[in-house]
Amino acid sequence: MLVEPFSKGVISSLSYPTSQIRYSRDEGTLRLVLPADLSVELYRIGILPQDVNIPVRISIGGRPVGRYIVNDVRYPTQSNSPFGQVTFTLTRVLQRKARSAGEQPLSQPAAAVTKTYVTDITYYLDETGELAQLPGPARRLASFLTLLIEAATGAPSAGEHDSGIRCMAKACRGTIQTSLPPGQDEIYWRCQACGHNGVIRSWKNTKWNQLKGIDETGAC
């Protein structure tokens, strides 16, 4: 499989046993199931973009199948489960003839799909718990997630909280709202302007968890 970031015409590919890669495709949607270590590597080396507005060209079996935007990422559901598989859902971006010189050649995705990013923060950390050495896009995403962890765990209440953190989506000037429902292990976040949203998992034992100090004090 070939994945090409839609920028500067640079083609990137990664050799991997095809027996461990599964995909299905219907009208306008591509679903990829990849080994988790391969998925992390695709982000590390910048083949998969962190910006939801950046499409990638995808070829399967040497045949181009179109340009797609990553709409949804699903990591293994249990933190104590093996480092299994990651499921990507992508929506095709239609190319159309520009009406004028200033018009962008790409349209919006064929169907409106809520972009939900389900991320495990530990995939971006090294063995010491610090941010791992990552390329620019992955580093920016990881830093963004740590800010959201701090905001959600430091909020005065468990309900929705305006973090004041700027949305990562290109050209969006909105801010992120976080929530940490009582008794749950997931942090929910959403841009109030564009709807860009996601879930953060495995944050409890990280240095950005502001609740750790409170819990430890209460246990004394």
Protein backbone atom coordinates (compact mmCIF):
# COMPACT_ATOMS: atom_id res chain seq x y z
CA MET A 1 0.00 0.00 0.00
CA LEU A 2 1.22 3.47 -0.85
CA VAL A 3 0.23 6.53 1.13
CA GLU A 4 1.21 9.93 -0.20
CA PRO A 5 0.80 13.16 1.75
CA PHE A 6 -0.90 15.70 -0.52
CA SER A 7 1.87 18.29 -0.34
CA LYS A 8 4.87 19.16 -2.51
CA GLY A 9 4.42 15.99 -4.54
CA VAL A 10 6.59 13.93 -2.17
CA ILE A 11 5.75 10.25 -2.21
CA SER A 12 6.33 8.19 0.93
CA SER A 13 5.94 4.44 1.27
CA LEU A 14 6.60 1.85 3.96
CA SER A 15 7.24 -1.84 3.36
CA TYR A 16 5.17 -4.11 5.60
CA PRO A 17 3.71 -7.64 5.32
CA THR A 18 0.40 -7.23 3.51
CA SER A 19 -0.99 -10.23 5.39
CA GLN A 20 -1.16 -8.01 8.49
CA ILE A 21 -3.04 -5.19 6.74
CA ARG A 22 -6.78 -5.39 6.13
CA TYR A 23 -8.98 -2.91 4.34
CA SER A 24 -12.50 -2.51 3.02
CA ARG A 25 -13.84 0.14 0.69
CA ASP A 26 -17.28 1.32 -0.28
CA GLU A 27 -18.58 4.48 -1.90
CA GLY A 28 -16.66 7.39 -0.43
CA THR A 29 -15.22 5.50 2.55
CA LEU A 30 -12.04 3.49 3.14
CA ARG A 31 -11.50 1.45 6.31
CA LEU A 32 -7.97 0.34 7.20
CA VAL A 33 -7.03 -2.07 9.99
CA LEU A 34 -3.29 -1.86 10.68
CA PRO A 35 -0.94 -3.30 13.31
CA ALA A 36 -0.61 -0.71 16.08
CA ASP A 37 3.18 -0.48 15.76
CA LEU A 38 2.83 0.30 12.04
CA SER A 39 0.16 2.91 12.77
CA VAL A 40 2.40 4.72 15.24
CA GLU A 41 5.28 4.60 12.76
CA LEU A 42 3.13 6.14 10.03
CA TYR A 43 2.48 9.10 12.31
CA ARG A 44 6.08 9.29 13.50
CA ILE A 45 7.52 9.61 10.00
CA GLY A 46 4.78 11.95 8.83
CA ILE A 47 3.08 9.74 6.23
CA LEU A 48 -0.27 10.10 7.99
CA PRO A 49 -1.02 13.79 8.67
CA GLN A 50 -2.16 15.06 12.07
CA ASP A 51 -4.17 17.91 10.51
CA VAL A 52 -7.64 16.61 9.63
CA ASN A 53 -7.82 19.00 6.68
CA ILE A 54 -4.84 17.49 4.86
CA PRO A 55 -5.82 14.74 2.38
CA VAL A 56 -3.53 11.86 1.43
CA ARG A 57 -3.34 9.96 -1.85
CA ILE A 58 -3.73 6.22 -1.40
CA SER A 59 -2.80 3.42 -3.78
CA ILE A 60 -3.69 -0.23 -3.22
CA GLY A 61 -1.86 -2.91 -5.17
CA GLY A 62 -0.12 -0.22 -7.21
CA ARG A 63 -3.43 1.26 -8.33
CA PRO A 64 -4.47 4.77 -7.17
CA VAL A 65 -7.81 4.77 -5.37
CA GLY A 66 -8.07 8.50 -4.65
CA ARG A 67 -7.44 11.18 -2.05
CA TYR A 68 -8.78 10.63 1.46
CA ILE A 69 -9.05 12.44 4.78
CA VAL A 70 -8.62 10.52 8.05
CA ASN A 71 -11.94 10.93 9.88
CA ASP A 72 -11.67 8.47 12.74
CA VAL A 73 -8.91 6.55 14.53
CA ARG A 74 -9.70 3.70 16.92
CA TYR A 75 -6.98 2.24 19.14
CA PRO A 76 -7.26 -1.01 21.16
CA THR A 77 -10.15 -0.58 23.59
CA GLN A 78 -8.45 -1.85 26.75
CA SER A 79 -5.28 -0.39 28.20
CA ASN A 80 -4.15 -3.82 29.44
CA SER A 81 -4.76 -5.54 26.09
CA PRO A 82 -1.92 -6.52 23.73
CA PHE A 83 -0.57 -3.79 21.47
CA GLY A 84 -3.01 -4.92 18.81
CA GLN A 85 -4.59 -3.19 15.86
CA VAL A 86 -5.70 0.32 15.00
CA THR A 87 -8.69 1.01 12.77
CA PHE A 88 -8.66 4.06 10.50
CA THR A 89 -11.76 5.36 8.76
CA LEU A 90 -11.12 7.69 5.83
CA THR A 91 -13.51 9.69 3.66
CA ARG A 92 -12.77 10.33 0.02
CA VAL A 93 -12.17 13.90 -1.11
CA LEU A 94 -13.68 14.61 -4.50
CA GLN A 95 -11.69 16.49 -7.10
CA ARG A 96 -13.57 18.94 -9.24
CA LYS A 97 -12.79 21.37 -11.96
CA ALA A 98 -12.01 24.81 -10.56
CA ARG A 99 -14.43 27.55 -11.56
CA SER A 100 -11.84 30.26 -11.24
CA ALA A 101 -8.11 30.66 -10.79
CA GLY A 102 -8.51 31.32 -7.10
CA GLU A 103 -10.81 28.41 -6.29
CA GLN A 104 -9.42 25.37 -4.52
CA PRO A 105 -9.48 22.17 -6.65
CA LEU A 106 -10.65 20.01 -3.74
CA SER A 107 -14.19 19.84 -2.44
CA GLN A 108 -15.35 18.87 1.01
CA PRO A 109 -15.68 15.12 1.78
CA ALA A 110 -18.49 13.35 -0.04
CA ALA A 111 -20.46 12.97 3.18
CA ALA A 112 -20.34 14.89 6.43
CA VAL A 113 -18.67 12.64 8.99
CA THR A 114 -17.93 13.60 12.57
CA LYS A 115 -14.16 13.55 12.96
CA THR A 116 -13.44 11.73 16.21
CA TYR A 117 -9.85 11.02 17.23
CA VAL A 118 -9.49 8.28 19.83
CA THR A 119 -5.90 8.48 21.07
CA ASP A 120 -3.84 6.68 23.69
CA ILE A 121 -1.37 9.26 25.02
CA THR A 122 1.16 6.57 26.01
CA TYR A 123 1.83 5.87 22.33
CA TYR A 124 3.49 9.30 22.17
CA LEU A 125 5.62 8.90 25.31
CA ASP A 126 9.03 7.37 25.90
CA GLU A 127 9.98 4.99 28.72
CA THR A 128 10.49 7.90 31.15
CA GLY A 129 7.01 9.30 30.57
CA GLU A 130 8.22 12.31 28.60
CA LEU A 131 7.17 13.10 25.03
CA ALA A 132 9.05 10.81 22.65
CA GLN A 133 11.23 12.08 19.81
CA LEU A 134 8.62 12.64 17.11
CA PRO A 135 8.49 14.48 13.78
CA GLY A 136 6.84 17.91 13.70
CA PRO A 137 3.18 16.94 13.06
CA ALA A 138 3.16 14.11 15.61
CA ARG A 139 4.96 16.28 18.17
CA ARG A 140 2.39 19.04 17.75
CA LEU A 141 -0.47 16.58 18.25
CA ALA A 142 1.17 15.07 21.33
CA SER A 143 1.76 18.52 22.85
CA PHE A 144 -1.85 19.45 22.08
CA LEU A 145 -3.09 16.32 23.87
CA THR A 146 -0.97 16.97 26.97
CA LEU A 147 -2.38 20.49 27.21
CA LEU A 148 -5.89 19.03 27.07
CA ILE A 149 -5.05 16.52 29.82
CA GLU A 150 -3.84 19.36 32.04
CA ALA A 151 -6.93 21.43 31.27
CA ALA A 152 -9.44 18.62 31.85
CA THR A 153 -7.88 17.31 35.07
CA GLY A 154 -7.32 20.82 36.42
CA ALA A 155 -10.85 22.06 35.68
CA PRO A 156 -12.93 23.20 38.69
CA SER A 157 -15.68 20.69 37.84
CA ALA A 158 -16.06 17.43 35.93
CA GLY A 159 -18.48 18.97 33.46
CA GLU A 160 -17.71 20.74 30.22
CA HIS A 161 -14.93 23.28 30.57
CA ASP A 162 -13.62 25.86 28.10
CA SER A 163 -9.89 25.18 28.15
CA GLY A 164 -8.98 28.26 26.12
CA ILE A 165 -6.71 26.04 23.99
CA ARG A 166 -6.83 26.81 20.28
CA CYS A 167 -8.14 24.17 17.90
CA MET A 168 -5.53 22.37 15.80
CA ALA A 169 -7.68 22.28 12.67
CA LYS A 170 -6.34 24.45 9.89
CA ALA A 171 -7.91 27.92 9.66
CA CYS A 172 -10.12 27.30 12.72
CA ARG A 173 -9.99 29.98 15.41
CA GLY A 174 -12.16 28.14 17.92
CA THR A 175 -11.19 26.89 21.37
CA ILE A 176 -11.42 23.42 22.84
CA GLN A 177 -13.98 22.36 25.42
CA THR A 178 -12.99 19.43 27.66
CA SER A 179 -14.95 17.16 29.96
CA LEU A 180 -14.03 14.35 32.34
CA PRO A 181 -17.21 12.54 33.44
CA PRO A 182 -17.05 11.14 37.01
CA GLY A 183 -15.89 7.54 37.21
CA GLN A 184 -14.69 7.42 33.61
CA ASP A 185 -11.17 6.90 32.29
CA GLU A 186 -11.54 8.96 29.13
CA ILE A 187 -11.16 12.68 28.55
CA TYR A 188 -13.52 14.09 25.93
CA TRP A 189 -12.68 17.21 23.95
CA ARG A 190 -14.43 19.19 21.25
CA CYS A 191 -13.87 22.41 19.32
CA GLN A 192 -16.83 24.71 19.83
CA ALA A 193 -16.36 26.26 16.39
CA CYS A 194 -15.65 23.46 13.89
CA GLY A 195 -16.69 20.34 15.81
CA HIS A 196 -13.20 18.76 15.68
CA ASN A 197 -13.29 16.31 18.59
CA GLY A 198 -11.69 13.34 20.23
CA VAL A 199 -11.09 11.09 23.22
CA ILE A 200 -7.87 10.71 25.22
CA ARG A 201 -7.06 7.45 26.99
CA SER A 202 -4.34 6.21 29.39
CA TRP A 203 -3.72 9.69 30.85
CA LYS A 204 -4.01 8.84 34.56
CA ASN A 205 -0.36 7.94 35.17
CA THR A 206 1.10 10.79 33.12
CA LYS A 207 2.83 13.87 34.53
CA TRP A 208 0.07 16.07 33.07
CA ASN A 209 -2.65 14.58 35.27
CA GLN A 210 -3.45 17.37 37.74
CA LEU A 211 -5.63 15.02 39.78
CA LYS A 212 -2.70 12.86 40.85
CA GLY A 213 -1.53 15.32 43.50
CA ILE A 214 -5.07 15.70 44.85
CA ASP A 215 -5.62 11.93 45.02
CA GLU A 216 -2.27 11.36 46.73
CA THR A 217 -2.98 14.10 49.29
CA GLY A 218 -6.41 12.68 50.02
CA ALA A 219 -4.96 9.21 50.54
CA CYS A 220 -2.62 10.41 53.32
